[in-house]
């Protein structure tokens, strides 16, 4: 059975905890689309999904914070382009958000070469 992005989003939504949203905001996570999942929940889901670059792209496109973290964990490192890495890192724009998923996709985050204007 092939897992679809809609299946994953339904699972993410079922685990949503609005009480955690304010906790995430208090540590610097800024996103209009937060569900309030814990990292252990996201990691467990990534482990059950395995690698799927197509699914990663669909999850990323949702704009949901936790779906984007999950996307970084299920993306296939062999298929991840430099452009995708830069786009994803720039969209996160915050170390607290991007670092948890980079180890799954690449050895070194591309932030060293990114220039941000939010200093």
PDB file of N, CA and C in Angstrom:
ATOM      1  N   UNK A   1       0.838  -1.181   0.000  1.00  0.00           N
ATOM      2  CA  UNK A   1       0.000   0.000   0.000  1.00  0.00           C
ATOM      3  C   UNK A   1       0.887   1.251   0.000  1.00  0.00           C
ATOM      4  N   UNK A   2       0.605   2.162  -0.884  1.00  0.00           N
ATOM      5  CA  UNK A   2       1.358   3.403  -0.979  1.00  0.00           C
ATOM      6  C   UNK A   2       0.742   4.454  -0.049  1.00  0.00           C
ATOM      7  N   UNK A   3       1.574   5.048   0.761  1.00  0.00           N
ATOM      8  CA  UNK A   3       1.126   6.111   1.654  1.00  0.00           C
ATOM      9  C   UNK A   3       1.127   7.422   0.879  1.00  0.00           C
ATOM     10  N   UNK A   4       0.034   8.146   0.947  1.00  0.00           N
ATOM     11  CA  UNK A   4      -0.067   9.427   0.251  1.00  0.00           C
ATOM     12  C   UNK A   4       0.186  10.580   1.220  1.00  0.00           C
ATOM     13  N   UNK A   5       0.400  11.728   0.647  1.00  0.00           N
ATOM     14  CA  UNK A   5       0.571  12.929   1.450  1.00  0.00           C
ATOM     15  C   UNK A   5      -0.681  13.173   2.300  1.00  0.00           C
ATOM     16  N   UNK A   6      -1.851  12.950   1.732  1.00  0.00           N
ATOM     17  CA  UNK A   6      -3.098  13.129   2.490  1.00  0.00           C
ATOM     18  C   UNK A   6      -3.155  12.189   3.686  1.00  0.00           C
ATOM     19  N   UNK A   7      -2.677  10.948   3.512  1.00  0.00           N
ATOM     20  CA  UNK A   7      -2.628   9.995   4.626  1.00  0.00           C
ATOM     21  C   UNK A   7      -1.734  10.529   5.745  1.00  0.00           C
ATOM     22  N   UNK A   8      -0.579  11.029   5.367  1.00  0.00           N
ATOM     23  CA  UNK A   8       0.373  11.538   6.351  1.00  0.00           C
ATOM     24  C   UNK A   8      -0.191  12.776   7.041  1.00  0.00           C
ATOM     25  N   UNK A   9      -0.798  13.667   6.275  1.00  0.00           N
ATOM     26  CA  UNK A   9      -1.388  14.875   6.873  1.00  0.00           C
ATOM     27  C   UNK A   9      -2.509  14.521   7.838  1.00  0.00           C
ATOM     28  N   UNK A  10      -3.293  13.496   7.509  1.00  0.00           N
ATOM     29  CA  UNK A  10      -4.358  13.056   8.414  1.00  0.00           C
ATOM     30  C   UNK A  10      -3.757  12.553   9.726  1.00  0.00           C
ATOM     31  N   UNK A  11      -2.650  11.826   9.617  1.00  0.00           N
ATOM     32  CA  UNK A  11      -1.982  11.324  10.822  1.00  0.00           C
ATOM     33  C   UNK A  11      -1.379  12.465  11.633  1.00  0.00           C
ATOM     34  N   UNK A  12      -0.726  13.399  10.960  1.00  0.00           N
ATOM     35  CA  UNK A  12      -0.174  14.559  11.662  1.00  0.00           C
ATOM     36  C   UNK A  12      -1.273  15.331  12.385  1.00  0.00           C
ATOM     37  N   UNK A  13      -2.376  15.538  11.703  1.00  0.00           N
ATOM     38  CA  UNK A  13      -3.491  16.287  12.284  1.00  0.00           C
ATOM     39  C   UNK A  13      -4.084  15.552  13.484  1.00  0.00           C
ATOM     40  N   UNK A  14      -4.134  14.221  13.406  1.00  0.00           N
ATOM     41  CA  UNK A  14      -4.682  13.446  14.521  1.00  0.00           C
ATOM     42  C   UNK A  14      -3.806  13.544  15.768  1.00  0.00           C
ATOM     43  N   UNK A  15      -2.518  13.804  15.576  1.00  0.00           N
ATOM     44  CA  UNK A  15      -1.584  13.931  16.695  1.00  0.00           C
ATOM     45  C   UNK A  15      -1.439  15.374  17.179  1.00  0.00           C
ATOM     46  N   UNK A  16      -2.086  16.296  16.509  1.00  0.00           N
ATOM     47  CA  UNK A  16      -1.930  17.719  16.823  1.00  0.00           C
ATOM     48  C   UNK A  16      -2.272  18.005  18.287  1.00  0.00           C
ATOM     49  N   UNK A  17      -1.485  18.885  18.878  1.00  0.00           N
ATOM     50  CA  UNK A  17      -1.696  19.303  20.262  1.00  0.00           C
ATOM     51  C   UNK A  17      -1.583  20.821  20.328  1.00  0.00           C
ATOM     52  N   UNK A  18      -2.718  21.505  20.232  1.00  0.00           N
ATOM     53  CA  UNK A  18      -2.697  22.975  20.227  1.00  0.00           C
ATOM     54  C   UNK A  18      -1.984  23.580  21.442  1.00  0.00           C
ATOM     55  N   UNK A  19      -1.949  22.874  22.551  1.00  0.00           N
ATOM     56  CA  UNK A  19      -1.272  23.386  23.744  1.00  0.00           C
ATOM     57  C   UNK A  19       0.230  23.534  23.508  1.00  0.00           C
ATOM     58  N   UNK A  20       0.790  22.714  22.636  1.00  0.00           N
ATOM     59  CA  UNK A  20       2.231  22.787  22.345  1.00  0.00           C
ATOM     60  C   UNK A  20       2.578  23.945  21.412  1.00  0.00           C
ATOM     61  N   UNK A  21       1.606  24.463  20.702  1.00  0.00           N
ATOM     62  CA  UNK A  21       1.883  25.540  19.744  1.00  0.00           C
ATOM     63  C   UNK A  21       2.517  26.735  20.450  1.00  0.00           C
ATOM     64  N   UNK A  22       1.987  27.109  21.600  1.00  0.00           N
ATOM     65  CA  UNK A  22       2.568  28.253  22.327  1.00  0.00           C
ATOM     66  C   UNK A  22       3.963  27.913  22.840  1.00  0.00           C
ATOM     67  N   UNK A  23       4.197  26.643  23.191  1.00  0.00           N
ATOM     68  CA  UNK A  23       5.540  26.238  23.614  1.00  0.00           C
ATOM     69  C   UNK A  23       6.531  26.404  22.475  1.00  0.00           C
ATOM     70  N   UNK A  24       6.130  26.005  21.272  1.00  0.00           N
ATOM     71  CA  UNK A  24       7.002  26.141  20.106  1.00  0.00           C
ATOM     72  C   UNK A  24       7.299  27.613  19.835  1.00  0.00           C
ATOM     73  N   UNK A  25       6.284  28.445  19.942  1.00  0.00           N
ATOM     74  CA  UNK A  25       6.479  29.880  19.719  1.00  0.00           C
ATOM     75  C   UNK A  25       7.442  30.463  20.757  1.00  0.00           C
ATOM     76  N   UNK A  26       7.376  29.953  21.975  1.00  0.00           N
ATOM     77  CA  UNK A  26       8.235  30.495  23.035  1.00  0.00           C
ATOM     78  C   UNK A  26       9.710  30.165  22.824  1.00  0.00           C
ATOM     79  N   UNK A  27      10.007  29.159  22.005  1.00  0.00           N
ATOM     80  CA  UNK A  27      11.406  28.836  21.714  1.00  0.00           C
ATOM     81  C   UNK A  27      11.831  29.334  20.341  1.00  0.00           C
ATOM     82  N   UNK A  28      11.026  30.193  19.746  1.00  0.00           N
ATOM     83  CA  UNK A  28      11.436  30.854  18.515  1.00  0.00           C
ATOM     84  C   UNK A  28      10.883  30.291  17.226  1.00  0.00           C
ATOM     85  N   UNK A  29      10.023  29.288  17.298  1.00  0.00           N
ATOM     86  CA  UNK A  29       9.436  28.740  16.079  1.00  0.00           C
ATOM     87  C   UNK A  29       8.332  29.674  15.619  1.00  0.00           C
ATOM     88  N   UNK A  30       8.458  30.163  14.409  1.00  0.00           N
ATOM     89  CA  UNK A  30       7.472  31.085  13.847  1.00  0.00           C
ATOM     90  C   UNK A  30       6.899  30.477  12.572  1.00  0.00           C
ATOM     91  N   UNK A  31       5.653  30.125  12.615  1.00  0.00           N
ATOM     92  CA  UNK A  31       4.984  29.574  11.447  1.00  0.00           C
ATOM     93  C   UNK A  31       3.495  29.786  11.613  1.00  0.00           C
ATOM     94  N   UNK A  32       2.838  30.118  10.524  1.00  0.00           N
ATOM     95  CA  UNK A  32       1.390  30.282  10.559  1.00  0.00           C
ATOM     96  C   UNK A  32       0.690  28.932  10.613  1.00  0.00           C
ATOM     97  N   UNK A  33       1.432  27.886  10.262  1.00  0.00           N
ATOM     98  CA  UNK A  33       0.849  26.542  10.206  1.00  0.00           C
ATOM     99  C   UNK A  33       1.592  25.616  11.157  1.00  0.00           C
ATOM    100  N   UNK A  34       1.216  25.661  12.415  1.00  0.00           N
ATOM    101  CA  UNK A  34       1.807  24.798  13.438  1.00  0.00           C
ATOM    102  C   UNK A  34       0.738  23.850  13.964  1.00  0.00           C
ATOM    103  N   UNK A  35       1.107  22.594  14.152  1.00  0.00           N
ATOM    104  CA  UNK A  35       0.177  21.609  14.702  1.00  0.00           C
ATOM    105  C   UNK A  35       0.471  21.289  16.164  1.00  0.00           C
ATOM    106  N   UNK A  36       1.710  21.445  16.578  1.00  0.00           N
ATOM    107  CA  UNK A  36       2.074  21.175  17.959  1.00  0.00           C
ATOM    108  C   UNK A  36       2.484  19.739  18.230  1.00  0.00           C
ATOM    109  N   UNK A  37       3.154  19.108  17.288  1.00  0.00           N
ATOM    110  CA  UNK A  37       3.656  17.742  17.494  1.00  0.00           C
ATOM    111  C   UNK A  37       5.028  17.784  18.134  1.00  0.00           C
ATOM    112  N   UNK A  38       5.359  16.726  18.845  1.00  0.00           N
ATOM    113  CA  UNK A  38       6.686  16.626  19.451  1.00  0.00           C
ATOM    114  C   UNK A  38       7.656  16.015  18.437  1.00  0.00           C
ATOM    115  N   UNK A  39       8.940  16.265  18.632  1.00  0.00           N
ATOM    116  CA  UNK A  39       9.953  15.677  17.752  1.00  0.00           C
ATOM    117  C   UNK A  39       9.931  14.146  17.819  1.00  0.00           C
ATOM    118  N   UNK A  40       9.751  13.525  18.990  1.00  0.00           N
ATOM    119  CA  UNK A  40       9.665  12.063  18.994  1.00  0.00           C
ATOM    120  C   UNK A  40       8.510  11.536  18.130  1.00  0.00           C
ATOM    121  N   UNK A  41       7.398  12.226  18.111  1.00  0.00           N
ATOM    122  CA  UNK A  41       6.278  11.810  17.260  1.00  0.00           C
ATOM    123  C   UNK A  41       6.644  11.923  15.782  1.00  0.00           C
ATOM    124  N   UNK A  42       7.320  13.012  15.434  1.00  0.00           N
ATOM    125  CA  UNK A  42       7.708  13.228  14.037  1.00  0.00           C
ATOM    126  C   UNK A  42       8.766  12.207  13.623  1.00  0.00           C
ATOM    127  N   UNK A  43       9.738  11.969  14.492  1.00  0.00           N
ATOM    128  CA  UNK A  43      10.782  10.981  14.177  1.00  0.00           C
ATOM    129  C   UNK A  43      10.207   9.577  14.017  1.00  0.00           C
ATOM    130  N   UNK A  44       9.249   9.215  14.884  1.00  0.00           N
ATOM    131  CA  UNK A  44       8.630   7.892  14.787  1.00  0.00           C
ATOM    132  C   UNK A  44       7.885   7.750  13.462  1.00  0.00           C
ATOM    133  N   UNK A  45       7.214   8.807  13.048  1.00  0.00           N
ATOM    134  CA  UNK A  45       6.500   8.760  11.782  1.00  0.00           C
ATOM    135  C   UNK A  45       7.488   8.634  10.626  1.00  0.00           C
ATOM    136  N   UNK A  46       8.583   9.376  10.691  1.00  0.00           N
ATOM    137  CA  UNK A  46       9.606   9.296   9.638  1.00  0.00           C
ATOM    138  C   UNK A  46      10.161   7.883   9.542  1.00  0.00           C
ATOM    139  N   UNK A  47      10.405   7.282  10.674  1.00  0.00           N
ATOM    140  CA  UNK A  47      10.951   5.922  10.688  1.00  0.00           C
ATOM    141  C   UNK A  47       9.973   4.943  10.046  1.00  0.00           C
ATOM    142  N   UNK A  48       8.692   5.104  10.333  1.00  0.00           N
ATOM    143  CA  UNK A  48       7.696   4.186   9.764  1.00  0.00           C
ATOM    144  C   UNK A  48       7.503   4.418   8.261  1.00  0.00           C
ATOM    145  N   UNK A  49       7.726   5.641   7.806  1.00  0.00           N
ATOM    146  CA  UNK A  49       7.551   5.959   6.385  1.00  0.00           C
ATOM    147  C   UNK A  49       8.745   5.530   5.539  1.00  0.00           C
ATOM    148  N   UNK A  50       9.927   5.626   6.083  1.00  0.00           N
ATOM    149  CA  UNK A  50      11.127   5.351   5.295  1.00  0.00           C
ATOM    150  C   UNK A  50      11.413   6.506   4.351  1.00  0.00           C
ATOM    151  N   UNK A  51      12.328   6.298   3.429  1.00  0.00           N
ATOM    152  CA  UNK A  51      12.710   7.349   2.480  1.00  0.00           C
ATOM    153  C   UNK A  51      11.746   7.395   1.299  1.00  0.00           C
ATOM    154  N   UNK A  52      11.297   8.577   0.966  1.00  0.00           N
ATOM    155  CA  UNK A  52      10.449   8.801  -0.207  1.00  0.00           C
ATOM    156  C   UNK A  52      10.589  10.259  -0.618  1.00  0.00           C
ATOM    157  N   UNK A  53      11.385  10.486  -1.641  1.00  0.00           N
ATOM    158  CA  UNK A  53      11.642  11.861  -2.061  1.00  0.00           C
ATOM    159  C   UNK A  53      10.380  12.532  -2.612  1.00  0.00           C
ATOM    160  N   UNK A  54       9.563  11.772  -3.319  1.00  0.00           N
ATOM    161  CA  UNK A  54       8.317  12.338  -3.855  1.00  0.00           C
ATOM    162  C   UNK A  54       7.405  12.779  -2.715  1.00  0.00           C
ATOM    163  N   UNK A  55       7.253  11.935  -1.703  1.00  0.00           N
ATOM    164  CA  UNK A  55       6.426  12.287  -0.549  1.00  0.00           C
ATOM    165  C   UNK A  55       7.016  13.491   0.173  1.00  0.00           C
ATOM    166  N   UNK A  56       8.330  13.537   0.300  1.00  0.00           N
ATOM    167  CA  UNK A  56       8.984  14.668   0.956  1.00  0.00           C
ATOM    168  C   UNK A  56       8.623  15.978   0.260  1.00  0.00           C
ATOM    169  N   UNK A  57       8.660  15.976  -1.063  1.00  0.00           N
ATOM    170  CA  UNK A  57       8.315  17.183  -1.816  1.00  0.00           C
ATOM    171  C   UNK A  57       6.877  17.609  -1.583  1.00  0.00           C
ATOM    172  N   UNK A  58       5.973  16.640  -1.525  1.00  0.00           N
ATOM    173  CA  UNK A  58       4.561  16.958  -1.276  1.00  0.00           C
ATOM    174  C   UNK A  58       4.357  17.485   0.139  1.00  0.00           C
ATOM    175  N   UNK A  59       5.023  16.878   1.095  1.00  0.00           N
ATOM    176  CA  UNK A  59       4.913  17.349   2.478  1.00  0.00           C
ATOM    177  C   UNK A  59       5.475  18.760   2.608  1.00  0.00           C
ATOM    178  N   UNK A  60       6.600  19.011   1.967  1.00  0.00           N
ATOM    179  CA  UNK A  60       7.201  20.342   2.007  1.00  0.00           C
ATOM    180  C   UNK A  60       6.232  21.383   1.454  1.00  0.00           C
ATOM    181  N   UNK A  61       5.570  21.048   0.368  1.00  0.00           N
ATOM    182  CA  UNK A  61       4.684  22.002  -0.303  1.00  0.00           C
ATOM    183  C   UNK A  61       3.487  22.408   0.551  1.00  0.00           C
ATOM    184  N   UNK A  62       3.162  21.657   1.586  1.00  0.00           N
ATOM    185  CA  UNK A  62       2.012  22.008   2.435  1.00  0.00           C
ATOM    186  C   UNK A  62       2.258  23.268   3.247  1.00  0.00           C
ATOM    187  N   UNK A  63       3.522  23.563   3.528  1.00  0.00           N
ATOM    188  CA  UNK A  63       3.845  24.729   4.344  1.00  0.00           C
ATOM    189  C   UNK A  63       3.639  24.504   5.833  1.00  0.00           C
ATOM    190  N   UNK A  64       3.203  23.324   6.240  1.00  0.00           N
ATOM    191  CA  UNK A  64       2.994  23.015   7.653  1.00  0.00           C
ATOM    192  C   UNK A  64       4.344  22.708   8.294  1.00  0.00           C
ATOM    193  N   UNK A  65       4.626  23.368   9.381  1.00  0.00           N
ATOM    194  CA  UNK A  65       5.928  23.249  10.059  1.00  0.00           C
ATOM    195  C   UNK A  65       6.329  21.789  10.273  1.00  0.00           C
ATOM    196  N   UNK A  66       5.468  21.010  10.914  1.00  0.00           N
ATOM    197  CA  UNK A  66       5.806  19.628  11.221  1.00  0.00           C
ATOM    198  C   UNK A  66       5.911  18.770   9.960  1.00  0.00           C
ATOM    199  N   UNK A  67       5.098  19.057   8.960  1.00  0.00           N
ATOM    200  CA  UNK A  67       5.194  18.333   7.688  1.00  0.00           C
ATOM    201  C   UNK A  67       6.528  18.634   7.021  1.00  0.00           C
ATOM    202  N   UNK A  68       7.003  19.857   7.165  1.00  0.00           N
ATOM    203  CA  UNK A  68       8.299  20.222   6.589  1.00  0.00           C
ATOM    204  C   UNK A  68       9.451  19.552   7.334  1.00  0.00           C
ATOM    205  N   UNK A  69       9.345  19.455   8.655  1.00  0.00           N
ATOM    206  CA  UNK A  69      10.360  18.710   9.394  1.00  0.00           C
ATOM    207  C   UNK A  69      10.371  17.255   8.944  1.00  0.00           C
ATOM    208  N   UNK A  70       9.192  16.678   8.823  1.00  0.00           N
ATOM    209  CA  UNK A  70       9.067  15.295   8.369  1.00  0.00           C
ATOM    210  C   UNK A  70       9.624  15.137   6.956  1.00  0.00           C
ATOM    211  N   UNK A  71       9.384  16.117   6.116  1.00  0.00           N
ATOM    212  CA  UNK A  71       9.909  16.076   4.743  1.00  0.00           C
ATOM    213  C   UNK A  71      11.428  15.944   4.749  1.00  0.00           C
ATOM    214  N   UNK A  72      12.085  16.693   5.614  1.00  0.00           N
ATOM    215  CA  UNK A  72      13.538  16.618   5.707  1.00  0.00           C
ATOM    216  C   UNK A  72      14.026  15.252   6.162  1.00  0.00           C
ATOM    217  N   UNK A  73      13.206  14.552   6.911  1.00  0.00           N
ATOM    218  CA  UNK A  73      13.588  13.228   7.411  1.00  0.00           C
ATOM    219  C   UNK A  73      13.321  12.116   6.412  1.00  0.00           C
ATOM    220  N   UNK A  74      12.340  12.293   5.543  1.00  0.00           N
ATOM    221  CA  UNK A  74      12.026  11.225   4.581  1.00  0.00           C
ATOM    222  C   UNK A  74      12.589  11.493   3.187  1.00  0.00           C
ATOM    223  N   UNK A  75      13.140  12.686   2.977  1.00  0.00           N
ATOM    224  CA  UNK A  75      13.743  12.996   1.677  1.00  0.00           C
ATOM    225  C   UNK A  75      14.898  12.041   1.404  1.00  0.00           C
ATOM    226  N   UNK A  76      15.046  11.676   0.162  1.00  0.00           N
ATOM    227  CA  UNK A  76      16.122  10.776  -0.256  1.00  0.00           C
ATOM    228  C   UNK A  76      17.380  11.613  -0.504  1.00  0.00           C
ATOM    229  N   UNK A  77      18.420  11.444   0.318  1.00  0.00           N
ATOM    230  CA  UNK A  77      19.622  12.260   0.158  1.00  0.00           C
ATOM    231  C   UNK A  77      20.241  12.164  -1.235  1.00  0.00           C
ATOM    232  N   UNK A  78      20.101  11.018  -1.861  1.00  0.00           N
ATOM    233  CA  UNK A  78      20.674  10.838  -3.199  1.00  0.00           C
ATOM    234  C   UNK A  78      19.942  11.665  -4.248  1.00  0.00           C
ATOM    235  N   UNK A  79      18.701  12.036  -3.967  1.00  0.00           N
ATOM    236  CA  UNK A  79      17.914  12.809  -4.927  1.00  0.00           C
ATOM    237  C   UNK A  79      17.763  14.272  -4.528  1.00  0.00           C
ATOM    238  N   UNK A  80      18.259  14.648  -3.375  1.00  0.00           N
ATOM    239  CA  UNK A  80      18.145  16.017  -2.892  1.00  0.00           C
ATOM    240  C   UNK A  80      19.099  16.899  -3.674  1.00  0.00           C
ATOM    241  N   UNK A  81      18.558  17.905  -4.335  1.00  0.00           N
ATOM    242  CA  UNK A  81      19.413  18.806  -5.101  1.00  0.00           C
ATOM    243  C   UNK A  81      19.918  19.935  -4.208  1.00  0.00           C
ATOM    244  N   UNK A  82      20.986  20.563  -4.639  1.00  0.00           N
ATOM    245  CA  UNK A  82      21.508  21.701  -3.891  1.00  0.00           C
ATOM    246  C   UNK A  82      20.462  22.811  -3.832  1.00  0.00           C
ATOM    247  N   UNK A  83      19.731  22.986  -4.929  1.00  0.00           N
ATOM    248  CA  UNK A  83      18.674  23.996  -4.957  1.00  0.00           C
ATOM    249  C   UNK A  83      17.597  23.724  -3.918  1.00  0.00           C
ATOM    250  N   UNK A  84      17.198  22.458  -3.789  1.00  0.00           N
ATOM    251  CA  UNK A  84      16.200  22.111  -2.774  1.00  0.00           C
ATOM    252  C   UNK A  84      16.732  22.383  -1.376  1.00  0.00           C
ATOM    253  N   UNK A  85      17.988  22.002  -1.126  1.00  0.00           N
ATOM    254  CA  UNK A  85      18.563  22.237   0.200  1.00  0.00           C
ATOM    255  C   UNK A  85      18.567  23.724   0.538  1.00  0.00           C
ATOM    256  N   UNK A  86      18.961  24.544  -0.412  1.00  0.00           N
ATOM    257  CA  UNK A  86      18.992  25.986  -0.161  1.00  0.00           C
ATOM    258  C   UNK A  86      17.582  26.547   0.027  1.00  0.00           C
ATOM    259  N   UNK A  87      16.643  26.088  -0.796  1.00  0.00           N
ATOM    260  CA  UNK A  87      15.257  26.558  -0.664  1.00  0.00           C
ATOM    261  C   UNK A  87      14.696  26.192   0.701  1.00  0.00           C
ATOM    262  N   UNK A  88      14.907  24.958   1.107  1.00  0.00           N
ATOM    263  CA  UNK A  88      14.364  24.510   2.383  1.00  0.00           C
ATOM    264  C   UNK A  88      15.024  25.255   3.551  1.00  0.00           C
ATOM    265  N   UNK A  89      16.334  25.404   3.516  1.00  0.00           N
ATOM    266  CA  UNK A  89      17.028  26.100   4.594  1.00  0.00           C
ATOM    267  C   UNK A  89      16.605  27.566   4.658  1.00  0.00           C
ATOM    268  N   UNK A  90      16.462  28.200   3.502  1.00  0.00           N
ATOM    269  CA  UNK A  90      16.050  29.609   3.483  1.00  0.00           C
ATOM    270  C   UNK A  90      14.624  29.766   3.983  1.00  0.00           C
ATOM    271  N   UNK A  91      13.755  28.826   3.658  1.00  0.00           N
ATOM    272  CA  UNK A  91      12.363  28.915   4.107  1.00  0.00           C
ATOM    273  C   UNK A  91      12.271  28.767   5.617  1.00  0.00           C
ATOM    274  N   UNK A  92      13.068  27.880   6.197  1.00  0.00           N
ATOM    275  CA  UNK A  92      13.066  27.759   7.646  1.00  0.00           C
ATOM    276  C   UNK A  92      13.620  29.033   8.256  1.00  0.00           C
ATOM    277  N   UNK A  93      14.755  29.452   7.770  1.00  0.00           N
ATOM    278  CA  UNK A  93      15.342  30.695   8.220  1.00  0.00           C
ATOM    279  C   UNK A  93      15.755  30.708   9.680  1.00  0.00           C
ATOM    280  N   UNK A  94      15.523  29.609  10.381  1.00  0.00           N
ATOM    281  CA  UNK A  94      15.861  29.559  11.802  1.00  0.00           C
ATOM    282  C   UNK A  94      16.550  28.235  12.088  1.00  0.00           C
ATOM    283  N   UNK A  95      17.621  28.310  12.775  1.00  0.00           N
ATOM    284  CA  UNK A  95      18.379  27.119  13.122  1.00  0.00           C
ATOM    285  C   UNK A  95      17.545  26.126  13.933  1.00  0.00           C
ATOM    286  N   UNK A  96      16.690  26.629  14.824  1.00  0.00           N
ATOM    287  CA  UNK A  96      15.908  25.744  15.682  1.00  0.00           C
ATOM    288  C   UNK A  96      14.985  24.839  14.873  1.00  0.00           C
ATOM    289  N   UNK A  97      14.624  25.270  13.697  1.00  0.00           N
ATOM    290  CA  UNK A  97      13.695  24.492  12.895  1.00  0.00           C
ATOM    291  C   UNK A  97      14.396  23.609  11.887  1.00  0.00           C
ATOM    292  N   UNK A  98      15.442  24.098  11.285  1.00  0.00           N
ATOM    293  CA  UNK A  98      16.040  23.344  10.190  1.00  0.00           C
ATOM    294  C   UNK A  98      16.982  22.246  10.648  1.00  0.00           C
ATOM    295  N   UNK A  99      17.675  22.418  11.759  1.00  0.00           N
ATOM    296  CA  UNK A  99      18.679  21.447  12.170  1.00  0.00           C
ATOM    297  C   UNK A  99      18.125  20.043  12.443  1.00  0.00           C
ATOM    298  N   UNK A 100      16.957  19.876  13.051  1.00  0.00           N
ATOM    299  CA  UNK A 100      16.511  18.505  13.336  1.00  0.00           C
ATOM    300  C   UNK A 100      16.361  17.622  12.109  1.00  0.00           C
ATOM    301  N   UNK A 101      16.076  18.177  10.960  1.00  0.00           N
ATOM    302  CA  UNK A 101      15.855  17.325   9.796  1.00  0.00           C
ATOM    303  C   UNK A 101      17.068  17.202   8.880  1.00  0.00           C
ATOM    304  N   UNK A 102      18.060  18.083   8.999  1.00  0.00           N
ATOM    305  CA  UNK A 102      19.205  18.001   8.088  1.00  0.00           C
ATOM    306  C   UNK A 102      20.001  16.715   8.199  1.00  0.00           C
ATOM    307  N   UNK A 103      20.201  16.147   9.398  1.00  0.00           N
ATOM    308  CA  UNK A 103      20.993  14.916   9.441  1.00  0.00           C
ATOM    309  C   UNK A 103      20.420  13.792   8.582  1.00  0.00           C
ATOM    310  N   UNK A 104      19.147  13.833   8.307  1.00  0.00           N
ATOM    311  CA  UNK A 104      18.523  12.794   7.502  1.00  0.00           C
ATOM    312  C   UNK A 104      18.787  12.970   6.022  1.00  0.00           C
ATOM    313  N   UNK A 105      19.134  14.177   5.610  1.00  0.00           N
ATOM    314  CA  UNK A 105      19.251  14.419   4.181  1.00  0.00           C
ATOM    315  C   UNK A 105      20.666  14.673   3.701  1.00  0.00           C
ATOM    316  N   UNK A 106      21.501  15.199   4.549  1.00  0.00           N
ATOM    317  CA  UNK A 106      22.842  15.558   4.107  1.00  0.00           C
ATOM    318  C   UNK A 106      23.769  15.629   5.305  1.00  0.00           C
ATOM    319  N   UNK A 107      25.032  15.547   5.074  1.00  0.00           N
ATOM    320  CA  UNK A 107      25.984  15.606   6.185  1.00  0.00           C
ATOM    321  C   UNK A 107      26.131  17.012   6.750  1.00  0.00           C
ATOM    322  N   UNK A 108      25.929  18.001   5.915  1.00  0.00           N
ATOM    323  CA  UNK A 108      26.172  19.376   6.355  1.00  0.00           C
ATOM    324  C   UNK A 108      25.089  20.286   5.803  1.00  0.00           C
ATOM    325  N   UNK A 109      24.402  21.012   6.664  1.00  0.00           N
ATOM    326  CA  UNK A 109      23.388  21.946   6.178  1.00  0.00           C
ATOM    327  C   UNK A 109      24.013  23.020   5.300  1.00  0.00           C
ATOM    328  N   UNK A 110      23.275  23.511   4.327  1.00  0.00           N
ATOM    329  CA  UNK A 110      23.840  24.489   3.400  1.00  0.00           C
ATOM    330  C   UNK A 110      23.835  25.914   3.932  1.00  0.00           C
ATOM    331  N   UNK A 111      23.549  26.107   5.214  1.00  0.00           N
ATOM    332  CA  UNK A 111      23.402  27.461   5.735  1.00  0.00           C
ATOM    333  C   UNK A 111      24.681  28.272   5.709  1.00  0.00           C
ATOM    334  N   UNK A 112      25.809  27.631   5.621  1.00  0.00           N
ATOM    335  CA  UNK A 112      27.071  28.381   5.605  1.00  0.00           C
ATOM    336  C   UNK A 112      27.124  29.317   4.400  1.00  0.00           C
ATOM    337  N   UNK A 113      26.480  28.919   3.316  1.00  0.00           N
ATOM    338  CA  UNK A 113      26.545  29.751   2.120  1.00  0.00           C
ATOM    339  C   UNK A 113      25.301  30.625   1.947  1.00  0.00           C
ATOM    340  N   UNK A 114      24.371  30.532   2.897  1.00  0.00           N
ATOM    341  CA  UNK A 114      23.157  31.352   2.795  1.00  0.00           C
ATOM    342  C   UNK A 114      23.373  32.704   3.446  1.00  0.00           C
ATOM    343  N   UNK A 115      22.818  33.700   2.873  1.00  0.00           N
ATOM    344  CA  UNK A 115      22.852  35.033   3.469  1.00  0.00           C
ATOM    345  C   UNK A 115      21.419  35.390   3.833  1.00  0.00           C
ATOM    346  N   UNK A 116      21.202  35.732   5.084  1.00  0.00           N
ATOM    347  CA  UNK A 116      19.850  36.118   5.485  1.00  0.00           C
ATOM    348  C   UNK A 116      19.823  37.610   5.771  1.00  0.00           C
ATOM    349  N   UNK A 117      18.648  38.168   5.608  1.00  0.00           N
ATOM    350  CA  UNK A 117      18.495  39.602   5.839  1.00  0.00           C
ATOM    351  C   UNK A 117      17.845  39.869   7.180  1.00  0.00           C
ATOM    352  N   UNK A 118      17.551  38.828   7.958  1.00  0.00           N
ATOM    353  CA  UNK A 118      16.857  39.011   9.226  1.00  0.00           C
ATOM    354  C   UNK A 118      17.819  39.044  10.412  1.00  0.00           C
ATOM    355  N   UNK A 119      18.801  39.892  10.344  1.00  0.00           N
ATOM    356  CA  UNK A 119      19.784  39.994  11.435  1.00  0.00           C
ATOM    357  C   UNK A 119      19.370  41.009  12.428  1.00  0.00           C
TER     358      UNK A 119
END
